[in-house]
Amino acid sequence: MVPNHPLKLLWALTLATLACGVAFPASDPPTPAPVEATVPAPQGLTLEQIKNVQYPLLIPEDGRVVEMLDGKFQRGADATDMDFAYIALTQFVAFGDLTGDGLEDAAVIFLENYGGTGNFGVLAVYANVAGEPVFLHSTLIDDRPMINSIAVENDEVFIDAVVHGFEDGGCCPTLPTTRRYALVKNKLRLVNFTTDAPNGTRRIIEITSPANGTEATGSLAVIGSVSIAPFENNLSWFIYDENGNQYAAGPVMVAAPDFGAPGTFDETIPLAGIPAGTIIYLEIQDQSAADGSLLALDVVKLSVK
């Protein structure tokens, strides 16, 4: 007969194991999903930044730079002093990409006053560099202009303004204009300009061919239209490089049914002497016969092969 106490011991151990539960091998913890590094979204410039920029004075032409404070700068209390200066940021500020890097830059109208009645309207452009405004270039609009609007459109600055015509008094500009500026090597270049005739018709030059970016060699067939035929049906063409050096100039004849009527032009312009690989700007201009001032302009950017 076999003793039963070993069996009792085995049975007790089995019951103890079941009471404590069955142990399973530990599983590996789940692998966490990779965390992607977050890149801060590009920061646009703000009006508060523009109110406190460094601003190089345009009119004195002596390289002075002033610190704007809440949109203003003043040197001296007496406007009759030779060293007096008052600079003010106007309400005309526009944001948009002008440098082609996808970041919002700023186009701004300042007024410069150095005593007396002159209030010089200046367009200044600030690039967005790591979220900070950095001055690039400025250009004069007019003394005491009446700015209607400013915008950044298609990488260009658009301004609608009433400025002084040939016979206007200093107090009272009457000539409606529009203008567009592009940045070329970080400098503002006028690429389109219109004025209104006395009857309210807008003087517009439109170059329809060649298109911007066209490659040209030898000569260039230029086709376009005007909303008002110029004096003696004669426009002028100019060719400049990116640095503003003039290569050539000449006349463009307009075909129009009557004096001052809409017309067209079709001119072949030689490119002799312009080195291959040069980026050029072809300007077609309507200039006043009375004073030589600009009445209308259109520009195309081309590459010489």
Foldseek 3Di string as FASTA:
>chain_A
DDDCVVVVVVVVVVVVDVVVPDDDDDDDDDDDDDDDDDDDDQAAEDPQQVQFDWAFDDVVPPRDIDTHDSFWDWDDDDLVDQPTKIKGWDPAKEWDAQPPPRYIWMWTWMWIGSHDQWTWTKIWIFDQDSNHTDTQEMDTDATPKAWDHWYQDPSKIKTWIFYADPPDDNVDGDKTKMWIWHQQVSYTDTAKMWIADPVRHIWEKDWPPDAAAAEDEFKGKTKTKIQFQADVQKKKKWKAFSVGHTDDMDIWGWDDPDHGHITMTIDIGGPPPPDAFTKMKMKIFRADPVPRHTHIIHIHIYGYD
